Amino acid sequence: MTDNLLSKVPLFSSLSQQELDEILSTLEVKSLAPNEILFREGEVGEHFCIVTDGIIEVLMGGGLTGEMMLNLVQAGEYLGEMSLILPGGHRTATARARDQVTLLSMSRVQFFDLTKKHPELLSAMVNVLSQRLDAANTQSFLDLTKKNKQLQTAYDELKAAQAQLIEKERLERELQVAAEIQLSILPDELPSLDEFDFGACILPARQVGGDFYDVFVLKDNQIGVVIGDVADKGVPSAIFMARAHALIMAEADISMSAGEVMQAVNRHITRLQKSTQFVTVLYGILDLKTRMFSYARAGHEPPLLLHADGTVERIPHSPGMALGLWDKVTLDERDIMLPHGSTLLLFTDGMTDCRNPEGEVFGLERIKQKLSELNHNNAQQICDHLFETLKKYQEGSKQDDDVTLVAIHALSSESTVKIKRQK
């Protein structure tokens, strides 16, 4: 059976059966386990091998990352002749068993004795080497083309990632500018009075948000107070917030009632606005002589009144409609007398809707409970304490909405009212 195998090897096809038997009697039988190395690239070669069973992988860079397959030598084929022919006798590739392999090994001396006795073997060998070289060149070209495509893909992906990074940095810079512009819209300081003090806090859910507030001096010993919450978050809501704030400030200067200001602002927004965005607002006018706070509420959270004795009252309310959705809106309009030592708290629904890690909302009752403990604090302290309580409740969980607080505290002193115009 073995002699038939040798007769099918192209290198020995011209030899007689007797000559094949003579060759077989001189060859050494070797076995290789799967993945076992027959020889390595760069080693000095001393043997020529004929595969009788199994498959040998011929590799460049064998065992290294990115090794390249040159050829598969199967039963009836041979390998290792290059190191016996080339000057120096070094292996030009690595040979590794793919599976269980049996082969016949011929030494360098046996190989040259055989070629001297049968010089026609050299011609056959040259033909086989030419075929292998052509196949190796083709494979190398295909591998090189594949790697070039991979490199081009990697380059394109890197270029796209760089462009995305540049765009991300540009957007972050623009968001930072937008945040600075938004903060500049809010008051730098609140009015300083003898009978009232004011406090405020704002915590956007994103870098920019849709909540806003303001406390500003009007003529005739009056103070305007506004708090608003634009639907949605991010840059679009921030732009809408800036427009709503500017319209309220402009209309408030005309000395209209709170309800008339809100109606006028709604007309402007519905005439100018082309999207489905809307804003809930509470705008009120504090009369410093009468201590009356007259407000109009457009779909916003009703305020809470903290009395001097620590009791908390939610101001009675009727339904109200947000600004920006309909040409005509129904407003909840109220007048509240602020007794000495009391505090009126305005807030956005981000306060009540804020959740802890378990998903439970902060809720109105927690605001009222905490507020009842703060009756001896000024307006800003009340806002700060409520914010700290909310942050502890969150325990680092994601904030879903902007949170804004505004407090109006009626001092116990009966001194003369003095107003300092804010910036």
Protein backbone atom coordinates (compact mmCIF):
# COMPACT_ATOMS: atom_id res chain seq x y z
CA MET A 1 0.00 0.00 0.00
CA THR A 2 2.89 2.27 0.81
CA ASP A 3 4.60 1.68 -2.53
CA ASN A 4 1.39 2.68 -4.31
CA LEU A 5 1.42 5.92 -2.34
CA LEU A 6 4.97 6.72 -3.42
CA SER A 7 4.12 5.97 -7.01
CA LYS A 8 1.44 8.69 -6.80
CA VAL A 9 3.91 11.30 -5.54
CA PRO A 10 4.72 13.46 -8.61
CA LEU A 11 8.38 13.57 -7.64
CA PHE A 12 8.71 9.76 -7.90
CA SER A 13 6.23 9.02 -10.66
CA SER A 14 8.99 8.23 -13.16
CA LEU A 15 10.64 5.57 -10.96
CA SER A 16 10.05 1.84 -11.19
CA GLN A 17 8.46 -0.25 -8.46
CA GLN A 18 11.85 -1.73 -7.61
CA GLU A 19 13.39 1.73 -7.24
CA LEU A 20 10.49 2.82 -5.05
CA ASP A 21 10.97 -0.23 -2.84
CA GLU A 22 14.65 0.64 -2.46
CA ILE A 23 13.76 4.21 -1.42
CA LEU A 24 11.12 3.06 1.06
CA SER A 25 13.58 0.74 2.76
CA THR A 26 15.78 3.73 3.65
CA LEU A 27 13.09 6.14 4.94
CA GLU A 28 12.25 6.78 8.61
CA VAL A 29 8.58 6.75 9.70
CA LYS A 30 7.50 9.68 11.98
CA SER A 31 4.23 10.55 13.73
CA LEU A 32 2.98 14.01 14.77
CA ALA A 33 0.18 14.86 17.17
CA PRO A 34 -2.32 17.63 16.28
CA ASN A 35 -0.65 21.10 16.45
CA GLU A 36 2.79 19.55 16.86
CA ILE A 37 5.57 21.42 15.02
CA LEU A 38 7.55 19.49 12.42
CA PHE A 39 10.04 22.32 11.89
CA ARG A 40 10.18 26.10 12.37
CA GLU A 41 10.94 28.96 10.05
CA GLY A 42 14.66 29.84 10.16
CA GLU A 43 15.87 26.50 11.45
CA VAL A 44 18.52 24.57 9.54
CA GLY A 45 16.80 21.79 7.61
CA GLU A 46 18.24 18.28 7.52
CA HIS A 47 15.29 16.24 6.29
CA PHE A 48 12.89 15.99 3.37
CA CYS A 49 9.45 14.61 4.33
CA ILE A 50 6.62 12.80 2.52
CA VAL A 51 3.15 12.86 4.10
CA THR A 52 1.43 9.46 4.14
CA ASP A 53 -1.54 10.34 6.36
CA GLY A 54 -3.04 13.59 7.74
CA ILE A 55 -2.47 17.25 6.83
CA ILE A 56 0.51 19.55 7.44
CA GLU A 57 0.01 23.35 7.58
CA VAL A 58 2.80 25.46 6.05
CA LEU A 59 2.87 28.90 7.71
CA MET A 60 4.68 32.20 7.71
CA GLY A 61 5.00 33.65 11.22
CA GLY A 62 3.66 30.45 12.77
CA GLY A 63 2.46 30.90 16.35
CA LEU A 64 2.45 34.70 16.09
CA THR A 65 -0.49 37.08 15.85
CA GLY A 66 -1.41 37.41 12.18
CA GLU A 67 0.29 34.21 11.01
CA MET A 68 -0.26 33.57 7.30
CA MET A 69 -1.21 30.20 5.83
CA LEU A 70 0.89 29.39 2.74
CA ASN A 71 -0.12 25.84 1.92
CA LEU A 72 -1.73 22.61 3.11
CA VAL A 73 0.35 19.47 2.44
CA GLN A 74 -1.81 16.36 2.32
CA ALA A 75 -1.19 12.59 1.92
CA GLY A 76 0.92 11.89 -1.17
CA GLU A 77 2.63 15.32 -1.07
CA TYR A 78 6.04 16.30 0.28
CA LEU A 79 7.70 19.27 1.99
CA GLY A 80 11.05 20.43 3.33
CA GLU A 81 13.00 20.20 0.07
CA MET A 82 13.67 23.96 -0.03
CA SER A 83 16.03 23.88 2.95
CA LEU A 84 18.00 21.08 1.27
CA ILE A 85 18.36 23.06 -1.98
CA LEU A 86 18.81 26.68 -0.90
CA PRO A 87 22.21 28.00 0.31
CA GLY A 88 22.46 27.89 4.10
CA GLY A 89 19.79 25.22 4.36
CA HIS A 90 17.36 27.31 6.47
CA ARG A 91 13.65 26.54 6.61
CA THR A 92 11.64 29.16 4.75
CA ALA A 93 8.41 28.46 6.66
CA THR A 94 6.97 26.65 9.68
CA ALA A 95 5.31 23.22 9.34
CA ARG A 96 2.62 22.25 11.85
CA ALA A 97 0.37 19.19 12.05
CA ARG A 98 -3.30 20.05 11.64
CA ASP A 99 -4.38 16.63 12.87
CA GLN A 100 -2.72 13.25 13.51
CA VAL A 101 -0.01 12.98 10.85
CA THR A 102 2.20 10.13 9.64
CA LEU A 103 5.12 10.89 7.33
CA LEU A 104 8.29 9.45 5.86
CA SER A 105 11.56 11.32 6.50
CA MET A 106 14.60 11.38 4.17
CA SER A 107 17.94 12.83 5.37
CA ARG A 108 19.96 15.41 3.45
CA VAL A 109 22.53 12.76 2.42
CA GLN A 110 19.82 10.38 1.25
CA PHE A 111 18.17 13.18 -0.71
CA PHE A 112 21.32 14.17 -2.62
CA ASP A 113 22.30 10.52 -3.27
CA LEU A 114 18.84 9.98 -4.72
CA THR A 115 19.00 13.07 -6.99
CA LYS A 116 22.47 12.03 -8.24
CA LYS A 117 21.16 8.59 -9.07
CA HIS A 118 17.97 9.96 -10.61
CA PRO A 119 18.66 13.50 -11.93
CA GLU A 120 15.20 13.56 -13.53
CA LEU A 121 13.84 14.07 -10.03
CA LEU A 122 15.31 17.59 -10.01
CA SER A 123 13.28 18.56 -13.05
CA ALA A 124 10.09 17.24 -11.45
CA MET A 125 10.95 19.08 -8.26
CA VAL A 126 11.46 22.36 -10.12
CA ASN A 127 7.98 22.00 -11.66
CA VAL A 128 6.42 21.44 -8.24
CA LEU A 129 8.36 24.34 -6.73
CA SER A 130 7.18 26.61 -9.54
CA GLN A 131 3.57 25.64 -8.86
CA ARG A 132 4.03 26.26 -5.13
CA LEU A 133 5.68 29.61 -5.75
CA ASP A 134 2.84 30.67 -8.02
CA ALA A 135 0.27 29.55 -5.43
CA ALA A 136 2.19 31.33 -2.66
CA ASN A 137 2.33 34.54 -4.69
CA THR A 138 -1.39 34.36 -5.37
CA GLN A 139 -2.15 33.72 -1.71
CA SER A 140 0.18 36.50 -0.61
CA PHE A 141 -1.54 38.91 -2.98
CA LEU A 142 -4.97 37.88 -1.67
CA ASP A 143 -3.82 38.21 1.94
CA LEU A 144 -2.23 41.58 1.23
CA THR A 145 -5.40 42.79 -0.49
CA LYS A 146 -7.48 41.62 2.46
CA LYS A 147 -5.20 43.33 4.97
CA ASN A 148 -5.22 46.52 2.88
CA LYS A 149 -9.02 46.49 2.98
CA GLN A 150 -8.92 45.92 6.73
CA LEU A 151 -6.46 48.77 7.15
CA GLN A 152 -8.61 51.04 4.99
CA THR A 153 -11.69 50.11 7.02
CA ALA A 154 -9.80 50.76 10.26
CA TYR A 155 -8.57 54.09 8.89
CA ASP A 156 -12.09 55.10 7.83
CA GLU A 157 -13.46 54.13 11.25
CA LEU A 158 -10.69 56.06 12.98
CA LYS A 159 -11.33 59.08 10.77
CA ALA A 160 -15.07 58.87 11.50
CA ALA A 161 -14.39 58.52 15.23
CA GLN A 162 -12.11 61.55 15.12
CA ALA A 163 -14.82 63.54 13.32
CA GLN A 164 -17.37 62.44 15.94
CA LEU A 165 -14.99 63.45 18.72
CA ILE A 166 -14.47 66.87 17.15
CA GLU A 167 -18.24 67.26 16.74
CA LYS A 168 -18.81 66.13 20.34
CA GLU A 169 -16.28 68.68 21.61
CA ARG A 170 -17.95 71.38 19.50
CA LEU A 171 -21.37 70.50 20.86
CA GLU A 172 -20.03 70.46 24.42
CA ARG A 173 -18.56 73.93 23.91
CA GLU A 174 -21.86 75.17 22.48
CA LEU A 175 -23.77 73.60 25.39
CA GLN A 176 -21.43 75.30 27.81
CA VAL A 177 -22.05 78.65 26.10
CA ALA A 178 -25.80 77.94 26.14
CA ALA A 179 -25.63 77.14 29.86
CA GLU A 180 -23.76 80.38 30.54
CA ILE A 181 -26.33 82.35 28.51
CA GLN A 182 -29.16 80.65 30.37
CA LEU A 183 -27.60 81.43 33.74
CA SER A 184 -27.16 85.03 32.66
CA ILE A 185 -30.93 85.24 32.14
CA LEU A 186 -31.52 84.35 35.79
CA PRO A 187 -31.06 87.16 38.35
CA ASP A 188 -27.54 87.70 39.72
CA GLU A 189 -29.04 88.79 43.04
CA LEU A 190 -32.50 89.12 44.51
CA PRO A 191 -34.04 92.36 45.80
CA SER A 192 -33.04 93.34 49.35
CA LEU A 193 -35.95 94.61 51.43
CA ASP A 194 -36.63 95.40 55.09
CA GLU A 195 -39.93 93.50 55.33
CA PHE A 196 -39.33 90.67 52.83
CA ASP A 197 -36.43 88.51 51.82
CA PHE A 198 -36.26 86.16 48.84
CA GLY A 199 -34.50 82.89 48.07
CA ALA A 200 -34.11 80.71 44.99
CA CYS A 201 -32.37 77.55 43.77
CA ILE A 202 -32.27 75.84 40.39
CA LEU A 203 -30.88 72.42 39.45
CA PRO A 204 -31.08 71.53 35.72
CA ALA A 205 -31.43 67.84 34.83
CA ARG A 206 -29.04 68.46 31.92
CA GLN A 207 -26.39 71.04 31.17
CA VAL A 208 -29.18 73.35 30.04
CA GLY A 209 -32.82 73.11 31.04
CA GLY A 210 -36.29 74.58 30.75
CA ASP A 211 -36.92 75.87 34.28
CA PHE A 212 -36.60 79.57 35.08
CA TYR A 213 -37.37 82.08 37.80
CA ASP A 214 -36.99 85.78 38.50
CA VAL A 215 -37.67 88.29 41.27
CA PHE A 216 -37.62 91.88 40.08
CA VAL A 217 -38.64 95.37 41.18
CA LEU A 218 -41.74 96.99 39.67
CA LYS A 219 -42.90 100.56 40.25
CA ASP A 220 -45.39 101.63 42.94
CA ASN A 221 -43.73 99.57 45.70
CA GLN A 222 -44.33 96.26 43.97
CA ILE A 223 -42.16 93.19 43.34
CA GLY A 224 -42.66 90.78 40.45
CA VAL A 225 -42.04 87.08 41.09
CA VAL A 226 -42.13 84.43 38.37
CA ILE A 227 -41.35 80.72 38.15
CA GLY A 228 -41.76 78.61 35.03
CA ASP A 229 -41.23 75.12 33.67
CA VAL A 230 -40.96 74.44 29.94
CA ALA A 231 -42.05 70.99 28.80
CA ASP A 232 -39.11 68.73 27.92
CA LYS A 233 -35.43 69.41 28.61
CA GLY A 234 -32.22 70.33 26.80
CA VAL A 235 -31.43 73.03 24.26
CA PRO A 236 -34.91 73.34 22.63
CA SER A 237 -36.56 73.89 26.00
CA ALA A 238 -33.82 76.34 27.01
CA ILE A 239 -34.48 78.43 23.89
CA PHE A 240 -38.22 78.37 24.57
CA MET A 241 -37.54 79.27 28.21
CA ALA A 242 -35.52 82.34 27.17
CA ARG A 243 -38.36 83.51 24.93
CA ALA A 244 -41.03 83.00 27.61
CA HIS A 245 -38.93 84.77 30.25
CA ALA A 246 -38.26 87.74 27.97
CA LEU A 247 -41.97 88.07 27.10
CA ILE A 248 -43.01 87.97 30.76
CA MET A 249 -40.44 90.59 31.73
CA ALA A 250 -41.52 92.84 28.85
CA GLU A 251 -45.23 92.61 29.63
CA ALA A 252 -44.67 93.00 33.39
CA ASP A 253 -43.15 96.45 32.84
CA ILE A 254 -46.47 97.74 31.43
CA SER A 255 -48.05 97.68 34.92
CA MET A 256 -50.80 95.18 34.10
CA SER A 257 -52.24 92.67 36.56
CA ALA A 258 -50.65 89.22 36.78
CA GLY A 259 -53.52 87.68 34.80
CA GLU A 260 -53.27 90.30 32.04
CA VAL A 261 -49.52 89.70 31.77
CA MET A 262 -50.05 85.97 31.34
CA GLN A 263 -52.79 86.42 28.74
CA ALA A 264 -50.57 88.78 26.73
CA VAL A 265 -47.60 86.40 26.93
CA ASN A 266 -49.76 83.52 25.74
CA ARG A 267 -50.92 85.52 22.73
CA HIS A 268 -47.31 86.23 21.78
CA ILE A 269 -46.20 82.61 22.22
CA THR A 270 -49.08 81.09 20.24
CA ARG A 271 -48.49 83.62 17.47
CA LEU A 272 -44.75 82.99 17.30
CA GLN A 273 -44.42 79.36 18.35
CA LYS A 274 -44.48 76.75 15.56
CA SER A 275 -43.96 73.60 17.66
CA THR A 276 -45.91 71.77 20.35
CA GLN A 277 -43.81 73.14 23.23
CA PHE A 278 -45.56 74.80 26.14
CA VAL A 279 -44.67 76.28 29.53
CA THR A 280 -46.32 76.22 32.94
CA VAL A 281 -45.91 79.52 34.80
CA LEU A 282 -46.81 81.16 38.07
CA TYR A 283 -46.43 84.94 37.96
CA GLY A 284 -47.34 87.13 40.90
CA ILE A 285 -47.08 90.74 42.05
CA LEU A 286 -46.20 91.42 45.69
CA ASP A 287 -47.58 94.71 47.01
CA LEU A 288 -45.17 95.89 49.69
CA LYS A 289 -47.76 98.19 51.31
CA THR A 290 -50.63 95.74 51.65
CA ARG A 291 -48.47 92.54 51.90
CA MET A 292 -50.77 91.05 49.28
CA PHE A 293 -49.38 88.63 46.70
CA SER A 294 -51.63 88.56 43.64
CA TYR A 295 -50.77 85.83 41.17
CA ALA A 296 -51.95 84.05 38.04
CA ARG A 297 -51.16 80.36 37.66
CA ALA A 298 -50.97 78.80 34.18
CA GLY A 299 -50.91 75.04 34.77
CA HIS A 300 -48.12 75.34 37.33
CA GLU A 301 -47.81 73.70 40.74
CA PRO A 302 -49.90 75.56 43.38
CA PRO A 303 -47.68 77.25 46.01
CA LEU A 304 -47.29 76.27 49.67
CA LEU A 305 -47.62 78.73 52.55
CA LEU A 306 -45.50 78.13 55.66
CA HIS A 307 -47.00 79.92 58.65
CA ALA A 308 -44.94 81.32 61.51
CA ASP A 309 -46.09 78.48 63.80
CA GLY A 310 -44.70 75.82 61.40
CA THR A 311 -47.99 74.73 59.83
CA VAL A 312 -47.98 74.33 56.06
CA GLU A 313 -50.94 75.11 53.84
CA ARG A 314 -51.37 74.29 50.17
CA ILE A 315 -53.05 77.29 48.61
CA PRO A 316 -56.54 76.40 47.28
CA HIS A 317 -56.56 76.27 43.51
CA SER A 318 -58.67 75.72 40.45
CA PRO A 319 -57.64 74.23 37.08
CA GLY A 320 -55.32 76.30 34.93
CA MET A 321 -53.94 75.91 31.40
CA ALA A 322 -50.29 76.06 30.32
CA LEU A 323 -49.12 78.83 27.99
CA GLY A 324 -48.38 78.15 24.33
CA LEU A 325 -51.00 75.51 23.44
CA TRP A 326 -54.22 77.47 22.93
CA ASP A 327 -55.04 81.01 21.81
CA LYS A 328 -57.18 81.52 24.89
CA VAL A 329 -56.21 80.13 28.27
CA THR A 330 -57.97 79.72 31.58
CA LEU A 331 -55.85 80.91 34.51
CA ASP A 332 -56.06 80.29 38.24
CA GLU A 333 -55.89 83.81 39.75
CA ARG A 334 -55.54 84.31 43.53
CA ASP A 335 -54.68 86.94 46.18
CA ILE A 336 -52.73 85.81 49.25
CA MET A 337 -51.99 87.89 52.32
CA LEU A 338 -48.49 87.10 53.65
CA PRO A 339 -48.52 87.47 57.46
CA HIS A 340 -45.36 88.41 59.33
CA GLY A 341 -43.09 85.38 59.75
CA SER A 342 -44.73 83.40 56.94
CA THR A 343 -43.03 82.03 53.80
CA LEU A 344 -44.60 81.37 50.39
CA LEU A 345 -42.84 78.55 48.49
CA LEU A 346 -43.05 78.27 44.70
CA PHE A 347 -41.64 75.15 43.05
CA THR A 348 -41.59 73.17 39.81
CA ASP A 349 -42.85 69.59 39.50
CA GLY A 350 -39.24 68.35 39.22
CA MET A 351 -39.21 68.63 43.03
CA THR A 352 -42.21 66.38 43.61
CA ASP A 353 -41.37 63.96 40.76
CA CYS A 354 -37.74 63.38 41.80
CA ARG A 355 -37.10 59.68 42.58
CA ASN A 356 -34.84 57.70 44.89
CA PRO A 357 -32.92 54.57 43.73
CA GLU A 358 -36.04 52.45 44.40
CA GLY A 359 -38.08 54.62 42.00
CA GLU A 360 -40.26 56.24 44.69
CA VAL A 361 -41.11 59.89 44.06
CA PHE A 362 -40.23 62.58 46.61
CA GLY A 363 -43.82 63.78 46.59
CA LEU A 364 -45.67 66.76 47.97
CA GLU A 365 -46.00 65.42 51.52
CA ARG A 366 -42.22 65.22 51.99
CA ILE A 367 -41.91 68.84 50.85
CA LYS A 368 -44.56 69.91 53.34
CA GLN A 369 -43.00 67.88 56.16
CA LYS A 370 -39.53 69.34 55.61
CA LEU A 371 -40.91 72.84 55.07
CA SER A 372 -42.72 72.70 58.42
CA GLU A 373 -39.33 72.33 60.15
CA LEU A 374 -37.92 75.50 58.56
CA ASN A 375 -40.21 78.21 59.94
CA HIS A 376 -37.31 79.95 61.71
CA ASN A 377 -35.14 80.18 58.56
CA ASN A 378 -34.89 82.94 55.99
CA ALA A 379 -35.98 82.43 52.37
CA GLN A 380 -32.64 81.35 50.97
CA GLN A 381 -31.98 78.96 53.86
CA ILE A 382 -35.36 77.35 53.26
CA CYS A 383 -34.52 76.75 49.59
CA ASP A 384 -31.05 75.43 50.43
CA HIS A 385 -32.34 73.02 53.11
CA LEU A 386 -35.03 71.67 50.77
CA PHE A 387 -32.44 71.11 48.05
CA GLU A 388 -30.12 69.25 50.43
CA THR A 389 -33.01 67.07 51.59
CA LEU A 390 -33.88 66.26 47.98
CA LYS A 391 -30.28 65.34 47.08
CA LYS A 392 -30.01 62.99 50.07
CA TYR A 393 -33.28 61.38 49.00
CA GLN A 394 -31.96 60.85 45.46
CA GLU A 395 -28.82 59.06 46.69
CA GLY A 396 -27.14 59.66 43.33
CA SER A 397 -30.00 58.33 41.20
CA LYS A 398 -30.62 59.92 37.80
CA GLN A 399 -32.46 63.24 37.83
CA ASP A 400 -35.32 63.18 35.33
CA ASP A 401 -36.41 66.81 35.41
CA ASP A 402 -35.20 70.29 36.31
CA VAL A 403 -35.86 71.40 39.90
CA THR A 404 -36.47 75.04 40.85
CA LEU A 405 -37.54 76.70 44.11
CA VAL A 406 -38.45 80.31 44.89
CA ALA A 407 -39.31 81.47 48.44
CA ILE A 408 -40.86 84.74 49.64
CA HIS A 409 -40.36 85.26 53.36
CA ALA A 410 -42.29 87.95 55.24
CA LEU A 411 -40.03 89.23 58.02
CA SER A 412 -41.37 89.83 61.51
CA SER A 413 -39.87 93.35 61.59
CA GLU A 414 -42.18 96.33 60.95
CA SER A 415 -39.40 98.60 59.74
CA THR A 416 -39.72 100.87 56.71
CA VAL A 417 -39.49 99.17 53.33
CA LYS A 418 -36.35 99.90 51.35
CA ILE A 419 -35.80 98.54 47.87
CA LYS A 420 -32.49 98.08 46.07
CA ARG A 421 -32.86 97.77 42.37
CA GLN A 422 -31.39 94.45 41.18
CA LYS A 423 -29.00 94.17 38.28
